[in-house]
Amino acid sequence: MKNVILIGLMGAGKTTVGKRLSQRLGWNFVDTDHLVEQNCGTSVSVIFEVEGESGFRQREEKVIEKIMREEEQIIATGGGAPTIESNRNNLKKGYVIYLSVKPQSLWARLQHDDSRPLLQASDNVRGKLEALFEERDPIYRSLADHVVSGENLTLRVLTTKIINTLKNEKFI
């Protein structure tokens, strides 16, 4: 399947990078969180509040299964999507890029962001980000076809770097 999938923790830049890659390649951009919200008619935060994380993950799983049937998409997943085995199996059908960003940088980006359900429940946002990184980094790395640092790069440089990798891998 000709899809590029961006994975990484919340705040890593998956949506921003995905939109730019979509523009540069002329492929459709898909944000799995946005699709879940569209399907439910409400925000991820409300879904978490009403159904809990497990309810959200079930909805996310259905969205990922459906979108992976299409081609020539840039797909930005939710940060927790790769933690579910069926999602990993579906995502692996495309070219998976892990946008790796250290917890300290994520904290600087997200410390005032109140739209992230997993951070809302925490009194220690930095500690929560560090714990999520420790838990998920090995999962992301094992799933990824390519790991790229999202640290200290402009959007232009980062997207060019990813496009060059896709060309070198003869994916595009």
Protein backbone atom coordinates (compact mmCIF):
# COMPACT_ATOMS: atom_id res chain seq x y z
CA MET A 1 0.00 0.00 0.00
CA LYS A 2 1.28 3.43 -0.93
CA ASN A 3 0.61 5.27 2.33
CA VAL A 4 3.00 7.18 4.55
CA ILE A 5 2.12 6.87 8.23
CA LEU A 6 3.45 9.29 10.83
CA ILE A 7 3.67 8.01 14.39
CA GLY A 8 5.02 9.55 17.58
CA LEU A 9 3.96 11.08 20.85
CA MET A 10 1.43 13.88 21.09
CA GLY A 11 3.04 17.17 20.15
CA ALA A 12 5.70 15.55 17.94
CA GLY A 13 4.34 17.36 14.89
CA LYS A 14 2.58 14.52 13.07
CA THR A 15 -0.35 16.67 11.90
CA THR A 16 1.76 19.68 10.94
CA VAL A 17 4.34 17.58 9.08
CA GLY A 18 1.62 15.41 7.56
CA LYS A 19 -0.22 18.40 6.09
CA ARG A 20 2.99 19.74 4.56
CA LEU A 21 3.96 16.33 3.13
CA SER A 22 0.47 16.06 1.68
CA GLN A 23 0.86 19.41 -0.06
CA ARG A 24 4.30 18.57 -1.42
CA LEU A 25 3.40 15.08 -2.67
CA GLY A 26 -0.17 15.86 -3.78
CA TRP A 27 -1.52 13.02 -1.64
CA ASN A 28 -4.54 13.17 0.69
CA PHE A 29 -3.91 13.99 4.34
CA VAL A 30 -5.72 11.95 6.98
CA ASP A 31 -5.61 12.61 10.72
CA THR A 32 -7.02 9.63 12.60
CA ASP A 33 -8.02 11.71 15.64
CA HIS A 34 -9.92 14.10 13.37
CA LEU A 35 -11.73 11.21 11.68
CA VAL A 36 -12.76 9.76 15.04
CA GLU A 37 -14.10 13.20 16.01
CA GLN A 38 -15.99 13.50 12.71
CA ASN A 39 -17.52 10.06 13.12
CA CYS A 40 -18.64 10.81 16.68
CA GLY A 41 -19.57 14.45 16.23
CA THR A 42 -17.55 15.42 19.28
CA SER A 43 -13.97 15.98 20.46
CA VAL A 44 -11.42 13.39 21.51
CA SER A 45 -11.54 14.92 25.01
CA VAL A 46 -15.28 14.29 25.29
CA ILE A 47 -14.91 10.74 23.96
CA PHE A 48 -12.24 10.08 26.61
CA GLU A 49 -14.48 11.60 29.28
CA VAL A 50 -17.57 9.58 28.32
CA GLU A 51 -16.09 6.30 27.07
CA GLY A 52 -12.62 6.31 28.58
CA GLU A 53 -9.43 5.56 26.72
CA SER A 54 -10.59 2.04 25.80
CA GLY A 55 -13.72 3.40 24.08
CA PHE A 56 -11.64 5.88 22.15
CA ARG A 57 -9.11 3.19 21.14
CA GLN A 58 -11.91 0.98 19.78
CA ARG A 59 -13.15 3.85 17.61
CA GLU A 60 -9.61 4.65 16.51
CA GLU A 61 -9.01 1.01 15.57
CA LYS A 62 -12.03 1.02 13.22
CA VAL A 63 -10.89 4.27 11.59
CA ILE A 64 -7.37 2.93 10.99
CA GLU A 65 -8.68 -0.32 9.54
CA LYS A 66 -10.89 1.64 7.13
CA ILE A 67 -8.34 4.25 5.98
CA MET A 68 -5.64 1.66 5.32
CA ARG A 69 -7.80 0.32 2.47
CA GLU A 70 -7.01 3.48 0.46
CA GLU A 71 -3.72 4.56 -1.13
CA GLU A 72 -1.60 7.66 -1.59
CA GLN A 73 -2.36 9.12 1.80
CA ILE A 74 -0.27 10.81 4.43
CA ILE A 75 -1.71 9.50 7.70
CA ALA A 76 -1.09 11.09 11.11
CA THR A 77 -2.06 8.70 13.89
CA GLY A 78 -2.90 9.47 17.47
CA GLY A 79 0.06 8.93 19.77
CA GLY A 80 -1.44 5.80 21.33
CA ALA A 81 -2.59 4.13 18.10
CA PRO A 82 0.58 2.03 17.70
CA THR A 83 0.14 0.56 21.19
CA ILE A 84 -2.70 -1.63 19.84
CA GLU A 85 -1.51 -4.74 17.98
CA SER A 86 -4.24 -4.68 15.31
CA ASN A 87 -3.32 -1.05 14.56
CA ARG A 88 0.35 -1.96 14.22
CA ASN A 89 -0.59 -4.74 11.79
CA ASN A 90 -2.65 -2.32 9.68
CA LEU A 91 -0.15 0.55 9.83
CA LYS A 92 2.69 -1.73 8.77
CA LYS A 93 0.98 -2.00 5.35
CA GLY A 94 2.35 1.49 4.63
CA TYR A 95 5.70 3.21 5.12
CA VAL A 96 5.88 4.14 8.81
CA ILE A 97 7.89 7.15 9.94
CA TYR A 98 8.46 7.78 13.64
CA LEU A 99 8.79 11.48 14.47
CA SER A 100 10.95 11.21 17.55
CA VAL A 101 10.91 14.15 19.95
CA LYS A 102 12.34 14.09 23.47
CA PRO A 103 9.94 14.53 26.41
CA GLN A 104 11.57 17.83 27.43
CA SER A 105 10.78 19.32 24.00
CA LEU A 106 7.25 17.91 24.06
CA TRP A 107 6.70 19.44 27.48
CA ALA A 108 7.81 22.85 26.18
CA ARG A 109 5.32 22.51 23.32
CA LEU A 110 2.41 21.13 25.36
CA GLN A 111 2.67 22.55 28.88
CA HIS A 112 -0.19 25.00 28.23
CA ASP A 113 -2.23 22.75 25.92
CA ASP A 114 -5.44 21.68 27.66
CA SER A 115 -6.81 19.68 24.71
CA ARG A 116 -4.85 16.48 25.38
CA PRO A 117 -6.93 14.01 27.45
CA LEU A 118 -3.96 11.97 28.68
CA LEU A 119 -2.33 15.14 30.01
CA GLN A 120 -5.48 16.65 31.54
CA ALA A 121 -5.62 13.89 34.12
CA SER A 122 -2.06 14.52 35.24
CA ASP A 123 -0.76 16.98 37.83
CA ASN A 124 2.74 16.38 36.44
CA VAL A 125 2.62 16.90 32.67
CA ARG A 126 6.37 16.56 32.23
CA GLY A 127 6.42 13.33 34.24
CA LYS A 128 3.49 11.95 32.23
CA LEU A 129 5.27 12.75 28.95
CA GLU A 130 8.45 11.06 30.20
CA ALA A 131 6.46 7.95 31.21
CA LEU A 132 4.66 7.84 27.84
CA PHE A 133 7.99 8.20 26.03
CA GLU A 134 9.56 5.35 28.02
CA GLU A 135 6.54 3.13 27.32
CA ARG A 136 5.98 3.98 23.67
CA ASP A 137 9.43 4.73 22.21
CA PRO A 138 10.32 1.02 21.87
CA ILE A 139 6.93 0.31 20.24
CA TYR A 140 7.35 3.18 17.78
CA ARG A 141 10.91 2.14 16.92
CA SER A 142 9.94 -1.48 16.30
CA LEU A 143 7.09 -0.40 13.99
CA ALA A 144 8.96 2.31 12.09
CA ASP A 145 10.53 1.87 8.69
CA HIS A 146 12.40 5.11 9.38
CA VAL A 147 13.02 7.22 12.49
CA VAL A 148 13.48 10.97 12.08
CA SER A 149 14.21 13.45 14.83
CA GLY A 150 11.63 16.20 15.11
CA GLU A 151 14.02 18.24 17.27
CA ASN A 152 15.27 21.67 16.21
CA LEU A 153 14.39 21.39 12.52
CA THR A 154 12.21 23.76 10.53
CA LEU A 155 9.11 22.29 8.96
CA ARG A 156 10.66 22.77 5.53
CA VAL A 157 13.86 20.92 6.42
CA LEU A 158 11.97 18.12 8.15
CA THR A 159 9.59 17.52 5.25
CA THR A 160 12.42 17.67 2.72
CA LYS A 161 14.34 15.14 4.80
CA ILE A 162 11.33 12.79 4.84
CA ILE A 163 10.70 13.18 1.09
CA ASN A 164 14.37 12.43 0.36
CA THR A 165 14.13 9.30 2.51
CA LEU A 166 11.00 8.17 0.65
CA LYS A 167 12.78 8.73 -2.68
CA ASN A 168 15.92 6.89 -1.52
CA GLU A 169 13.77 3.97 -0.37
CA LYS A 170 12.04 4.10 -3.77
CA PHE A 171 8.71 4.45 -2.00
CA ILE A 172 7.75 7.46 -4.09
